């Protein structure tokens, strides 16, 4: 039986500590974002309880017919702390006492299966709560289900729902990665792979590099289908449209640059990753808002009377100032008007 290296023992102990810590921190969070709740609502899922604005969310669930959330109805909150504790202690015991590649592999496979089953169980509860609605609810939208996303973002009526791991979830994931890394190192998989597949590795590295350099740009606006996040009007005129992407990846689209501006003023807490505005002479082409050149007024007629047009170059903007009897402005000035 091959003994583990000292570094592997340390990583297994760290993995166990990471997994054990998940008992004390929220493992998952579902954030709800809507205009009437500018600071958002959060449902925090711990190993043994629910946290966050549970009562407010239960009140909203009542109106649309969803069951209210009560921790005592979930058997998972009773057994999950013990399961997490078991895996955390198991990882430490493997590092301190068993110290074999086989024991690491058994731990890794078992922990991975636990993760898969836990995510399936989470999805099952989301489906149950999102689809089994009270037929006598005050608000009924035919064909509408309210199942939050397992991970990522989903629009549910006027609420944006984000489902993402919280600190405890990331700590558990870190523990799993450390266990996996110990097995890969102890089995010599990296050495074998590098020796036999150096060309493949170079191609993979090149592909990853190319993917990381791929444009992280705007989401195309679908005319006559997308709705303005501020005025709630259907976006039917693309030449004045705009877009805002938050750091969480949520995309807000607008039918008028002035709508984007007002939306930002009313939601100063949103962490914005990027702004885009429509290139006025283009065909559904969005350009970075901060570097665009703007004109305003004159004979411009935008959907919500913001009457702001954006261009790629100063020369284009100057040309249209003459054509449209408009005035020159800039990105920062637009927020002061």
C-alpha atoms as a PDB file:
ATOM      1  CA  UNK A   1       0.000   0.000   0.000  1.00  0.00           C
ATOM      2  CA  UNK A   2       1.507   3.351  -1.083  1.00  0.00           C
ATOM      3  CA  UNK A   3       1.631   6.016   1.613  1.00  0.00           C
ATOM      4  CA  UNK A   4       0.615   9.563   0.846  1.00  0.00           C
ATOM      5  CA  UNK A   5       3.107  12.400   0.559  1.00  0.00           C
ATOM      6  CA  UNK A   6       3.266  15.064   3.244  1.00  0.00           C
ATOM      7  CA  UNK A   7       1.714  17.666   0.928  1.00  0.00           C
ATOM      8  CA  UNK A   8      -1.208  15.312   0.191  1.00  0.00           C
ATOM      9  CA  UNK A   9      -1.801  14.790   3.903  1.00  0.00           C
ATOM     10  CA  UNK A  10      -1.903  18.565   4.421  1.00  0.00           C
ATOM     11  CA  UNK A  11      -4.326  18.999   1.496  1.00  0.00           C
ATOM     12  CA  UNK A  12      -6.635  16.298   2.862  1.00  0.00           C
ATOM     13  CA  UNK A  13      -6.687  17.969   6.274  1.00  0.00           C
ATOM     14  CA  UNK A  14      -7.462  21.301   4.613  1.00  0.00           C
ATOM     15  CA  UNK A  15     -10.184  19.606   2.559  1.00  0.00           C
ATOM     16  CA  UNK A  16     -11.732  18.244   5.739  1.00  0.00           C
ATOM     17  CA  UNK A  17     -11.653  21.674   7.414  1.00  0.00           C
ATOM     18  CA  UNK A  18     -13.243  23.279   4.329  1.00  0.00           C
ATOM     19  CA  UNK A  19     -16.037  20.699   4.264  1.00  0.00           C
ATOM     20  CA  UNK A  20     -16.648  20.954   8.014  1.00  0.00           C
ATOM     21  CA  UNK A  21     -16.902  24.755   7.785  1.00  0.00           C
ATOM     22  CA  UNK A  22     -19.913  24.394   5.481  1.00  0.00           C
ATOM     23  CA  UNK A  23     -21.970  23.454   8.526  1.00  0.00           C
ATOM     24  CA  UNK A  24     -21.689  27.031   9.823  1.00  0.00           C
ATOM     25  CA  UNK A  25     -22.025  29.106   6.659  1.00  0.00           C
ATOM     26  CA  UNK A  26     -24.873  29.383   4.115  1.00  0.00           C
ATOM     27  CA  UNK A  27     -24.358  26.758   1.433  1.00  0.00           C
ATOM     28  CA  UNK A  28     -26.619  28.228  -1.229  1.00  0.00           C
ATOM     29  CA  UNK A  29     -28.448  31.484  -1.846  1.00  0.00           C
ATOM     30  CA  UNK A  30     -31.363  32.453  -4.070  1.00  0.00           C
ATOM     31  CA  UNK A  31     -31.617  36.191  -4.669  1.00  0.00           C
ATOM     32  CA  UNK A  32     -34.800  37.815  -5.907  1.00  0.00           C
ATOM     33  CA  UNK A  33     -34.568  41.138  -7.659  1.00  0.00           C
ATOM     34  CA  UNK A  34     -37.532  43.335  -8.606  1.00  0.00           C
ATOM     35  CA  UNK A  35     -38.275  47.083  -8.934  1.00  0.00           C
ATOM     36  CA  UNK A  36     -40.375  47.076  -5.730  1.00  0.00           C
ATOM     37  CA  UNK A  37     -37.436  45.571  -3.830  1.00  0.00           C
ATOM     38  CA  UNK A  38     -34.478  47.656  -5.014  1.00  0.00           C
ATOM     39  CA  UNK A  39     -32.173  46.098  -2.421  1.00  0.00           C
ATOM     40  CA  UNK A  40     -33.296  42.595  -3.387  1.00  0.00           C
ATOM     41  CA  UNK A  41     -34.450  39.655  -1.311  1.00  0.00           C
ATOM     42  CA  UNK A  42     -32.234  36.736  -0.383  1.00  0.00           C
ATOM     43  CA  UNK A  43     -33.084  33.194   0.672  1.00  0.00           C
ATOM     44  CA  UNK A  44     -30.067  31.637   2.378  1.00  0.00           C
ATOM     45  CA  UNK A  45     -29.858  27.863   2.684  1.00  0.00           C
ATOM     46  CA  UNK A  46     -27.746  26.585   5.541  1.00  0.00           C
ATOM     47  CA  UNK A  47     -27.074  22.954   6.388  1.00  0.00           C
ATOM     48  CA  UNK A  48     -29.686  23.027   9.131  1.00  0.00           C
ATOM     49  CA  UNK A  49     -31.961  26.013   8.477  1.00  0.00           C
ATOM     50  CA  UNK A  50     -33.187  28.739   6.191  1.00  0.00           C
ATOM     51  CA  UNK A  51     -32.013  32.333   6.479  1.00  0.00           C
ATOM     52  CA  UNK A  52     -32.480  35.703   4.838  1.00  0.00           C
ATOM     53  CA  UNK A  53     -35.834  37.356   4.135  1.00  0.00           C
ATOM     54  CA  UNK A  54     -37.829  34.127   4.492  1.00  0.00           C
ATOM     55  CA  UNK A  55     -40.989  35.760   5.840  1.00  0.00           C
ATOM     56  CA  UNK A  56     -41.189  38.328   3.044  1.00  0.00           C
ATOM     57  CA  UNK A  57     -40.610  35.622   0.425  1.00  0.00           C
ATOM     58  CA  UNK A  58     -43.299  33.458   2.037  1.00  0.00           C
ATOM     59  CA  UNK A  59     -45.684  36.411   1.788  1.00  0.00           C
ATOM     60  CA  UNK A  60     -44.968  36.746  -1.928  1.00  0.00           C
ATOM     61  CA  UNK A  61     -45.296  32.986  -2.416  1.00  0.00           C
ATOM     62  CA  UNK A  62     -48.754  33.122  -0.852  1.00  0.00           C
ATOM     63  CA  UNK A  63     -50.048  35.475  -3.557  1.00  0.00           C
ATOM     64  CA  UNK A  64     -48.908  33.273  -6.451  1.00  0.00           C
ATOM     65  CA  UNK A  65     -49.929  29.981  -4.838  1.00  0.00           C
ATOM     66  CA  UNK A  66     -46.500  28.623  -3.891  1.00  0.00           C
ATOM     67  CA  UNK A  67     -46.148  26.771  -0.597  1.00  0.00           C
ATOM     68  CA  UNK A  68     -44.542  28.753   2.168  1.00  0.00           C
ATOM     69  CA  UNK A  69     -41.071  27.685   3.276  1.00  0.00           C
ATOM     70  CA  UNK A  70     -40.581  26.160   6.716  1.00  0.00           C
ATOM     71  CA  UNK A  71     -37.318  24.486   7.681  1.00  0.00           C
ATOM     72  CA  UNK A  72     -39.066  21.831   9.796  1.00  0.00           C
ATOM     73  CA  UNK A  73     -40.692  20.425   6.637  1.00  0.00           C
ATOM     74  CA  UNK A  74     -37.315  19.482   5.157  1.00  0.00           C
ATOM     75  CA  UNK A  75     -35.749  16.280   6.488  1.00  0.00           C
ATOM     76  CA  UNK A  76     -32.553  17.435   4.795  1.00  0.00           C
ATOM     77  CA  UNK A  77     -31.996  20.077   7.483  1.00  0.00           C
ATOM     78  CA  UNK A  78     -31.903  17.317  10.095  1.00  0.00           C
ATOM     79  CA  UNK A  79     -29.442  14.969   8.388  1.00  0.00           C
ATOM     80  CA  UNK A  80     -27.320  17.324   6.280  1.00  0.00           C
ATOM     81  CA  UNK A  81     -25.091  18.657   9.127  1.00  0.00           C
ATOM     82  CA  UNK A  82     -24.218  15.085  10.071  1.00  0.00           C
ATOM     83  CA  UNK A  83     -23.463  14.088   6.477  1.00  0.00           C
ATOM     84  CA  UNK A  84     -21.258  17.141   5.926  1.00  0.00           C
ATOM     85  CA  UNK A  85     -19.518  16.546   9.251  1.00  0.00           C
ATOM     86  CA  UNK A  86     -18.975  12.908   8.329  1.00  0.00           C
ATOM     87  CA  UNK A  87     -17.272  13.793   5.034  1.00  0.00           C
ATOM     88  CA  UNK A  88     -15.140  16.481   6.709  1.00  0.00           C
ATOM     89  CA  UNK A  89     -13.920  14.102   9.412  1.00  0.00           C
ATOM     90  CA  UNK A  90     -13.478  11.300   6.865  1.00  0.00           C
ATOM     91  CA  UNK A  91     -11.137  13.475   4.784  1.00  0.00           C
ATOM     92  CA  UNK A  92      -9.030  14.295   7.857  1.00  0.00           C
ATOM     93  CA  UNK A  93      -8.931  10.644   8.970  1.00  0.00           C
ATOM     94  CA  UNK A  94      -7.818   9.517   5.497  1.00  0.00           C
ATOM     95  CA  UNK A  95      -5.008  12.089   5.619  1.00  0.00           C
ATOM     96  CA  UNK A  96      -3.847  11.242   9.142  1.00  0.00           C
ATOM     97  CA  UNK A  97      -4.402   7.483   9.391  1.00  0.00           C
ATOM     98  CA  UNK A  98      -5.295   5.597   6.203  1.00  0.00           C
ATOM     99  CA  UNK A  99      -2.869   7.500   3.961  1.00  0.00           C
ATOM    100  CA  UNK A 100      -3.486   5.345   0.889  1.00  0.00           C
ATOM    101  CA  UNK A 101      -4.382   6.178  -2.710  1.00  0.00           C
ATOM    102  CA  UNK A 102      -7.275   3.710  -2.595  1.00  0.00           C
ATOM    103  CA  UNK A 103      -8.835   5.352   0.459  1.00  0.00           C
ATOM    104  CA  UNK A 104      -8.557   8.752  -1.252  1.00  0.00           C
ATOM    105  CA  UNK A 105     -10.290   7.368  -4.358  1.00  0.00           C
ATOM    106  CA  UNK A 106     -13.152   5.907  -2.305  1.00  0.00           C
ATOM    107  CA  UNK A 107     -13.545   9.240  -0.486  1.00  0.00           C
ATOM    108  CA  UNK A 108     -13.488  11.172  -3.777  1.00  0.00           C
ATOM    109  CA  UNK A 109     -16.112   8.979  -5.489  1.00  0.00           C
ATOM    110  CA  UNK A 110     -18.395   8.956  -2.444  1.00  0.00           C
ATOM    111  CA  UNK A 111     -18.164  12.728  -1.987  1.00  0.00           C
ATOM    112  CA  UNK A 112     -18.854  13.304  -5.700  1.00  0.00           C
ATOM    113  CA  UNK A 113     -21.937  11.061  -5.531  1.00  0.00           C
ATOM    114  CA  UNK A 114     -23.126  12.961  -2.483  1.00  0.00           C
ATOM    115  CA  UNK A 115     -22.746  16.239  -4.387  1.00  0.00           C
ATOM    116  CA  UNK A 116     -24.729  14.916  -7.364  1.00  0.00           C
ATOM    117  CA  UNK A 117     -27.511  13.563  -5.156  1.00  0.00           C
ATOM    118  CA  UNK A 118     -27.642  16.801  -3.150  1.00  0.00           C
ATOM    119  CA  UNK A 119     -28.053  18.876  -6.329  1.00  0.00           C
ATOM    120  CA  UNK A 120     -30.757  16.509  -7.608  1.00  0.00           C
ATOM    121  CA  UNK A 121     -32.581  16.786  -4.287  1.00  0.00           C
ATOM    122  CA  UNK A 122     -32.335  20.595  -4.471  1.00  0.00           C
ATOM    123  CA  UNK A 123     -33.725  20.588  -8.023  1.00  0.00           C
ATOM    124  CA  UNK A 124     -36.539  18.260  -6.918  1.00  0.00           C
ATOM    125  CA  UNK A 125     -37.619  20.650  -4.176  1.00  0.00           C
ATOM    126  CA  UNK A 126     -37.432  23.621  -6.524  1.00  0.00           C
ATOM    127  CA  UNK A 127     -39.619  21.767  -9.012  1.00  0.00           C
ATOM    128  CA  UNK A 128     -42.095  20.788  -6.294  1.00  0.00           C
ATOM    129  CA  UNK A 129     -42.443  24.348  -5.018  1.00  0.00           C
ATOM    130  CA  UNK A 130     -42.464  25.935  -8.449  1.00  0.00           C
ATOM    131  CA  UNK A 131     -45.068  23.705 -10.088  1.00  0.00           C
ATOM    132  CA  UNK A 132     -47.488  22.550  -7.387  1.00  0.00           C
ATOM    133  CA  UNK A 133     -49.396  25.804  -7.015  1.00  0.00           C
ATOM    134  CA  UNK A 134     -52.538  26.579  -5.064  1.00  0.00           C
ATOM    135  CA  UNK A 135     -55.392  26.860  -7.643  1.00  0.00           C
ATOM    136  CA  UNK A 136     -57.166  29.396  -5.398  1.00  0.00           C
ATOM    137  CA  UNK A 137     -54.190  31.795  -5.278  1.00  0.00           C
ATOM    138  CA  UNK A 138     -54.825  35.513  -5.739  1.00  0.00           C
ATOM    139  CA  UNK A 139     -52.525  35.698  -8.770  1.00  0.00           C
ATOM    140  CA  UNK A 140     -52.736  32.953 -11.376  1.00  0.00           C
ATOM    141  CA  UNK A 141     -50.902  33.199 -14.692  1.00  0.00           C
ATOM    142  CA  UNK A 142     -52.022  30.319 -16.972  1.00  0.00           C
ATOM    143  CA  UNK A 143     -49.121  28.037 -17.845  1.00  0.00           C
ATOM    144  CA  UNK A 144     -46.737  29.864 -15.534  1.00  0.00           C
ATOM    145  CA  UNK A 145     -44.435  27.917 -13.170  1.00  0.00           C
ATOM    146  CA  UNK A 146     -42.177  29.533 -10.593  1.00  0.00           C
ATOM    147  CA  UNK A 147     -39.329  27.043 -10.344  1.00  0.00           C
ATOM    148  CA  UNK A 148     -36.108  28.964  -9.610  1.00  0.00           C
ATOM    149  CA  UNK A 149     -33.003  28.007 -11.604  1.00  0.00           C
ATOM    150  CA  UNK A 150     -30.802  25.287 -10.162  1.00  0.00           C
ATOM    151  CA  UNK A 151     -27.858  27.593 -10.815  1.00  0.00           C
ATOM    152  CA  UNK A 152     -27.765  30.872 -12.705  1.00  0.00           C
ATOM    153  CA  UNK A 153     -30.498  33.369 -13.562  1.00  0.00           C
ATOM    154  CA  UNK A 154     -34.152  33.061 -14.513  1.00  0.00           C
ATOM    155  CA  UNK A 155     -36.874  35.672 -14.942  1.00  0.00           C
ATOM    156  CA  UNK A 156     -40.062  34.856 -12.974  1.00  0.00           C
ATOM    157  CA  UNK A 157     -42.740  37.454 -13.783  1.00  0.00           C
ATOM    158  CA  UNK A 158     -41.176  40.751 -12.682  1.00  0.00           C
ATOM    159  CA  UNK A 159     -38.663  39.042 -10.396  1.00  0.00           C
ATOM    160  CA  UNK A 160     -35.176  38.117 -11.483  1.00  0.00           C
ATOM    161  CA  UNK A 161     -34.055  34.989  -9.605  1.00  0.00           C
ATOM    162  CA  UNK A 162     -30.359  34.223  -9.087  1.00  0.00           C
ATOM    163  CA  UNK A 163     -29.387  30.835  -7.706  1.00  0.00           C
ATOM    164  CA  UNK A 164     -25.732  30.573  -6.755  1.00  0.00           C
ATOM    165  CA  UNK A 165     -23.512  28.815  -4.191  1.00  0.00           C
ATOM    166  CA  UNK A 166     -22.769  30.783  -1.038  1.00  0.00           C
ATOM    167  CA  UNK A 167     -19.666  30.638   1.122  1.00  0.00           C
ATOM    168  CA  UNK A 168     -20.424  27.198   2.560  1.00  0.00           C
ATOM    169  CA  UNK A 169     -21.053  25.782  -0.926  1.00  0.00           C
ATOM    170  CA  UNK A 170     -17.775  27.168  -2.210  1.00  0.00           C
ATOM    171  CA  UNK A 171     -15.942  25.738   0.818  1.00  0.00           C
ATOM    172  CA  UNK A 172     -17.420  22.293   0.114  1.00  0.00           C
ATOM    173  CA  UNK A 173     -16.451  22.595  -3.540  1.00  0.00           C
ATOM    174  CA  UNK A 174     -12.935  23.590  -2.524  1.00  0.00           C
ATOM    175  CA  UNK A 175     -12.764  20.529  -0.281  1.00  0.00           C
ATOM    176  CA  UNK A 176     -13.853  18.283  -3.155  1.00  0.00           C
ATOM    177  CA  UNK A 177     -11.304  19.829  -5.506  1.00  0.00           C
ATOM    178  CA  UNK A 178      -8.527  19.325  -2.957  1.00  0.00           C
ATOM    179  CA  UNK A 179      -9.466  15.647  -2.530  1.00  0.00           C
ATOM    180  CA  UNK A 180      -9.505  15.236  -6.318  1.00  0.00           C
ATOM    181  CA  UNK A 181      -6.144  16.973  -6.619  1.00  0.00           C
ATOM    182  CA  UNK A 182      -4.628  14.651  -4.004  1.00  0.00           C
ATOM    183  CA  UNK A 183      -5.731  11.601  -5.985  1.00  0.00           C
ATOM    184  CA  UNK A 184      -4.476  13.019  -9.280  1.00  0.00           C
ATOM    185  CA  UNK A 185      -1.076  13.786  -7.762  1.00  0.00           C
ATOM    186  CA  UNK A 186      -0.761  10.494  -5.878  1.00  0.00           C
ATOM    187  CA  UNK A 187      -1.791   8.439  -8.920  1.00  0.00           C
ATOM    188  CA  UNK A 188       0.753  10.268 -11.048  1.00  0.00           C
ATOM    189  CA  UNK A 189      -1.919  11.124 -13.582  1.00  0.00           C
ATOM    190  CA  UNK A 190      -0.451  14.531 -14.320  1.00  0.00           C
ATOM    191  CA  UNK A 191       2.991  13.093 -15.043  1.00  0.00           C
ATOM    192  CA  UNK A 192       1.581  10.395 -17.319  1.00  0.00           C
ATOM    193  CA  UNK A 193      -0.623  12.813 -19.132  1.00  0.00           C
ATOM    194  CA  UNK A 194       2.081  15.396 -19.647  1.00  0.00           C
ATOM    195  CA  UNK A 195       4.575  12.823 -20.924  1.00  0.00           C
ATOM    196  CA  UNK A 196       2.222  11.140 -23.368  1.00  0.00           C
ATOM    197  CA  UNK A 197       0.024  14.040 -24.371  1.00  0.00           C
ATOM    198  CA  UNK A 198       2.216  17.078 -24.453  1.00  0.00           C
ATOM    199  CA  UNK A 199       0.844  18.041 -27.883  1.00  0.00           C
ATOM    200  CA  UNK A 200      -2.713  17.603 -26.701  1.00  0.00           C
ATOM    201  CA  UNK A 201      -1.987  19.739 -23.664  1.00  0.00           C
ATOM    202  CA  UNK A 202      -0.571  22.484 -25.847  1.00  0.00           C
ATOM    203  CA  UNK A 203      -3.690  22.433 -28.020  1.00  0.00           C
ATOM    204  CA  UNK A 204      -5.932  22.520 -24.942  1.00  0.00           C
ATOM    205  CA  UNK A 205      -3.898  25.391 -23.508  1.00  0.00           C
ATOM    206  CA  UNK A 206      -4.185  27.246 -26.814  1.00  0.00           C
ATOM    207  CA  UNK A 207      -7.941  26.603 -26.943  1.00  0.00           C
ATOM    208  CA  UNK A 208      -8.425  27.814 -23.383  1.00  0.00           C
ATOM    209  CA  UNK A 209      -6.368  30.908 -24.158  1.00  0.00           C
ATOM    210  CA  UNK A 210      -8.453  31.618 -27.248  1.00  0.00           C
ATOM    211  CA  UNK A 211     -11.677  31.106 -25.309  1.00  0.00           C
ATOM    212  CA  UNK A 212     -10.498  33.421 -22.562  1.00  0.00           C
ATOM    213  CA  UNK A 213      -9.801  36.030 -25.207  1.00  0.00           C
ATOM    214  CA  UNK A 214     -13.232  35.669 -26.775  1.00  0.00           C
ATOM    215  CA  UNK A 215     -15.368  38.832 -26.625  1.00  0.00           C
ATOM    216  CA  UNK A 216     -17.448  39.232 -23.481  1.00  0.00           C
ATOM    217  CA  UNK A 217     -19.898  41.537 -25.155  1.00  0.00           C
ATOM    218  CA  UNK A 218     -23.538  42.497 -25.108  1.00  0.00           C
ATOM    219  CA  UNK A 219     -26.545  40.266 -25.604  1.00  0.00           C
ATOM    220  CA  UNK A 220     -28.353  41.082 -28.866  1.00  0.00           C
ATOM    221  CA  UNK A 221     -31.641  42.957 -28.453  1.00  0.00           C
ATOM    222  CA  UNK A 222     -34.553  41.118 -30.038  1.00  0.00           C
ATOM    223  CA  UNK A 223     -36.887  43.751 -31.456  1.00  0.00           C
ATOM    224  CA  UNK A 224     -40.631  43.339 -30.802  1.00  0.00           C
ATOM    225  CA  UNK A 225     -39.862  40.669 -28.177  1.00  0.00           C
ATOM    226  CA  UNK A 226     -37.558  42.158 -25.523  1.00  0.00           C
ATOM    227  CA  UNK A 227     -39.047  44.561 -22.996  1.00  0.00           C
ATOM    228  CA  UNK A 228     -37.517  47.715 -21.566  1.00  0.00           C
ATOM    229  CA  UNK A 229     -36.453  47.086 -17.941  1.00  0.00           C
ATOM    230  CA  UNK A 230     -37.438  50.648 -16.955  1.00  0.00           C
ATOM    231  CA  UNK A 231     -40.565  51.749 -18.823  1.00  0.00           C
ATOM    232  CA  UNK A 232     -41.773  48.147 -19.494  1.00  0.00           C
ATOM    233  CA  UNK A 233     -42.537  49.008 -23.118  1.00  0.00           C
ATOM    234  CA  UNK A 234     -41.795  46.544 -25.891  1.00  0.00           C
ATOM    235  CA  UNK A 235     -38.536  47.419 -27.667  1.00  0.00           C
ATOM    236  CA  UNK A 236     -39.582  48.070 -31.245  1.00  0.00           C
ATOM    237  CA  UNK A 237     -37.086  50.782 -32.288  1.00  0.00           C
ATOM    238  CA  UNK A 238     -33.501  49.628 -32.008  1.00  0.00           C
ATOM    239  CA  UNK A 239     -31.620  52.801 -32.918  1.00  0.00           C
ATOM    240  CA  UNK A 240     -32.002  54.292 -29.438  1.00  0.00           C
ATOM    241  CA  UNK A 241     -31.760  51.063 -27.423  1.00  0.00           C
ATOM    242  CA  UNK A 242     -29.299  50.368 -24.618  1.00  0.00           C
ATOM    243  CA  UNK A 243     -28.210  47.554 -22.360  1.00  0.00           C
ATOM    244  CA  UNK A 244     -26.775  47.136 -18.866  1.00  0.00           C
ATOM    245  CA  UNK A 245     -25.040  43.979 -17.610  1.00  0.00           C
ATOM    246  CA  UNK A 246     -24.462  43.488 -13.902  1.00  0.00           C
ATOM    247  CA  UNK A 247     -21.467  41.785 -12.328  1.00  0.00           C
ATOM    248  CA  UNK A 248     -23.742  38.822 -11.614  1.00  0.00           C
ATOM    249  CA  UNK A 249     -24.402  38.490 -15.328  1.00  0.00           C
ATOM    250  CA  UNK A 250     -27.962  39.765 -15.400  1.00  0.00           C
ATOM    251  CA  UNK A 251     -28.853  41.672 -18.561  1.00  0.00           C
ATOM    252  CA  UNK A 252     -31.215  44.665 -18.517  1.00  0.00           C
ATOM    253  CA  UNK A 253     -32.379  46.014 -21.872  1.00  0.00           C
ATOM    254  CA  UNK A 254     -33.853  49.432 -22.600  1.00  0.00           C
ATOM    255  CA  UNK A 255     -35.721  50.991 -25.500  1.00  0.00           C
ATOM    256  CA  UNK A 256     -34.206  54.426 -24.867  1.00  0.00           C
ATOM    257  CA  UNK A 257     -30.839  55.543 -23.512  1.00  0.00           C
ATOM    258  CA  UNK A 258     -32.756  57.834 -21.136  1.00  0.00           C
ATOM    259  CA  UNK A 259     -34.445  54.739 -19.664  1.00  0.00           C
ATOM    260  CA  UNK A 260     -31.036  53.233 -18.871  1.00  0.00           C
ATOM    261  CA  UNK A 261     -30.011  56.491 -17.181  1.00  0.00           C
ATOM    262  CA  UNK A 262     -33.171  56.673 -15.043  1.00  0.00           C
ATOM    263  CA  UNK A 263     -32.875  52.975 -14.195  1.00  0.00           C
ATOM    264  CA  UNK A 264     -29.349  53.535 -12.906  1.00  0.00           C
ATOM    265  CA  UNK A 265     -30.406  56.554 -10.850  1.00  0.00           C
ATOM    266  CA  UNK A 266     -33.166  54.523  -9.187  1.00  0.00           C
ATOM    267  CA  UNK A 267     -30.944  51.479  -8.612  1.00  0.00           C
ATOM    268  CA  UNK A 268     -27.613  52.844  -7.391  1.00  0.00           C
ATOM    269  CA  UNK A 269     -26.915  49.619  -5.500  1.00  0.00           C
ATOM    270  CA  UNK A 270     -26.621  47.503  -8.636  1.00  0.00           C
ATOM    271  CA  UNK A 271     -23.052  46.537  -9.383  1.00  0.00           C
ATOM    272  CA  UNK A 272     -22.673  47.204 -13.083  1.00  0.00           C
ATOM    273  CA  UNK A 273     -20.193  45.310 -15.197  1.00  0.00           C
ATOM    274  CA  UNK A 274     -20.807  47.101 -18.489  1.00  0.00           C
ATOM    275  CA  UNK A 275     -23.097  49.477 -20.374  1.00  0.00           C
ATOM    276  CA  UNK A 276     -23.891  49.349 -24.069  1.00  0.00           C
ATOM    277  CA  UNK A 277     -25.777  51.731 -26.360  1.00  0.00           C
ATOM    278  CA  UNK A 278     -27.017  51.221 -29.871  1.00  0.00           C
ATOM    279  CA  UNK A 279     -24.842  52.533 -32.677  1.00  0.00           C
ATOM    280  CA  UNK A 280     -27.343  54.942 -34.226  1.00  0.00           C
ATOM    281  CA  UNK A 281     -26.542  54.330 -37.933  1.00  0.00           C
ATOM    282  CA  UNK A 282     -26.062  50.571 -37.382  1.00  0.00           C
ATOM    283  CA  UNK A 283     -28.418  47.633 -37.554  1.00  0.00           C
ATOM    284  CA  UNK A 284     -28.932  46.230 -34.063  1.00  0.00           C
ATOM    285  CA  UNK A 285     -25.310  46.939 -33.166  1.00  0.00           C
ATOM    286  CA  UNK A 286     -24.424  47.704 -29.546  1.00  0.00           C
ATOM    287  CA  UNK A 287     -21.223  49.556 -28.665  1.00  0.00           C
ATOM    288  CA  UNK A 288     -19.562  50.333 -25.294  1.00  0.00           C
ATOM    289  CA  UNK A 289     -21.397  53.284 -23.772  1.00  0.00           C
ATOM    290  CA  UNK A 290     -18.407  54.892 -22.076  1.00  0.00           C
ATOM    291  CA  UNK A 291     -16.449  55.353 -25.311  1.00  0.00           C
ATOM    292  CA  UNK A 292     -19.368  56.298 -27.562  1.00  0.00           C
ATOM    293  CA  UNK A 293     -19.951  59.835 -28.867  1.00  0.00           C
ATOM    294  CA  UNK A 294     -23.382  61.324 -28.197  1.00  0.00           C
ATOM    295  CA  UNK A 295     -25.759  63.888 -29.615  1.00  0.00           C
ATOM    296  CA  UNK A 296     -29.079  64.971 -28.174  1.00  0.00           C
ATOM    297  CA  UNK A 297     -32.201  66.891 -29.161  1.00  0.00           C
ATOM    298  CA  UNK A 298     -32.900  68.507 -32.524  1.00  0.00           C
ATOM    299  CA  UNK A 299     -35.093  66.390 -34.752  1.00  0.00           C
ATOM    300  CA  UNK A 300     -34.165  63.122 -32.970  1.00  0.00           C
ATOM    301  CA  UNK A 301     -37.295  61.304 -31.800  1.00  0.00           C
ATOM    302  CA  UNK A 302     -36.625  58.340 -29.504  1.00  0.00           C
ATOM    303  CA  UNK A 303     -39.368  56.102 -28.016  1.00  0.00           C
ATOM    304  CA  UNK A 304     -39.357  57.718 -24.555  1.00  0.00           C
ATOM    305  CA  UNK A 305     -38.343  61.218 -25.680  1.00  0.00           C
ATOM    306  CA  UNK A 306     -34.793  60.953 -24.384  1.00  0.00           C
ATOM    307  CA  UNK A 307     -33.746  61.855 -27.959  1.00  0.00           C
ATOM    308  CA  UNK A 308     -30.170  60.658 -27.459  1.00  0.00           C
ATOM    309  CA  UNK A 309     -28.171  58.970 -30.216  1.00  0.00           C
ATOM    310  CA  UNK A 310     -24.765  57.293 -29.945  1.00  0.00           C
ATOM    311  CA  UNK A 311     -21.941  56.995 -32.496  1.00  0.00           C
ATOM    312  CA  UNK A 312     -18.593  55.226 -32.747  1.00  0.00           C
ATOM    313  CA  UNK A 313     -16.575  58.279 -33.764  1.00  0.00           C
ATOM    314  CA  UNK A 314     -16.633  61.987 -33.083  1.00  0.00           C
ATOM    315  CA  UNK A 315     -16.721  62.667 -36.832  1.00  0.00           C
ATOM    316  CA  UNK A 316     -19.943  60.700 -37.224  1.00  0.00           C
ATOM    317  CA  UNK A 317     -21.491  62.510 -34.272  1.00  0.00           C
ATOM    318  CA  UNK A 318     -20.479  65.903 -35.681  1.00  0.00           C
ATOM    319  CA  UNK A 319     -21.931  65.005 -39.078  1.00  0.00           C
ATOM    320  CA  UNK A 320     -25.302  64.138 -37.531  1.00  0.00           C
ATOM    321  CA  UNK A 321     -25.294  67.255 -35.348  1.00  0.00           C
ATOM    322  CA  UNK A 322     -25.491  69.208 -38.594  1.00  0.00           C
ATOM    323  CA  UNK A 323     -28.062  66.909 -40.195  1.00  0.00           C
ATOM    324  CA  UNK A 324     -30.372  66.686 -37.176  1.00  0.00           C
ATOM    325  CA  UNK A 325     -29.800  70.133 -35.652  1.00  0.00           C
ATOM    326  CA  UNK A 326     -28.811  68.370 -32.438  1.00  0.00           C
ATOM    327  CA  UNK A 327     -26.360  69.181 -29.657  1.00  0.00           C
ATOM    328  CA  UNK A 328     -23.174  67.414 -28.663  1.00  0.00           C
ATOM    329  CA  UNK A 329     -23.087  65.746 -25.264  1.00  0.00           C
ATOM    330  CA  UNK A 330     -21.177  62.977 -23.500  1.00  0.00           C
ATOM    331  CA  UNK A 331     -21.739  59.967 -21.254  1.00  0.00           C
ATOM    332  CA  UNK A 332     -21.068  61.740 -17.941  1.00  0.00           C
ATOM    333  CA  UNK A 333     -23.157  64.789 -18.824  1.00  0.00           C
ATOM    334  CA  UNK A 334     -26.169  62.615 -19.652  1.00  0.00           C
ATOM    335  CA  UNK A 335     -26.388  61.588 -15.973  1.00  0.00           C
ATOM    336  CA  UNK A 336     -26.333  65.233 -14.833  1.00  0.00           C
ATOM    337  CA  UNK A 337     -29.170  66.441 -17.053  1.00  0.00           C
END
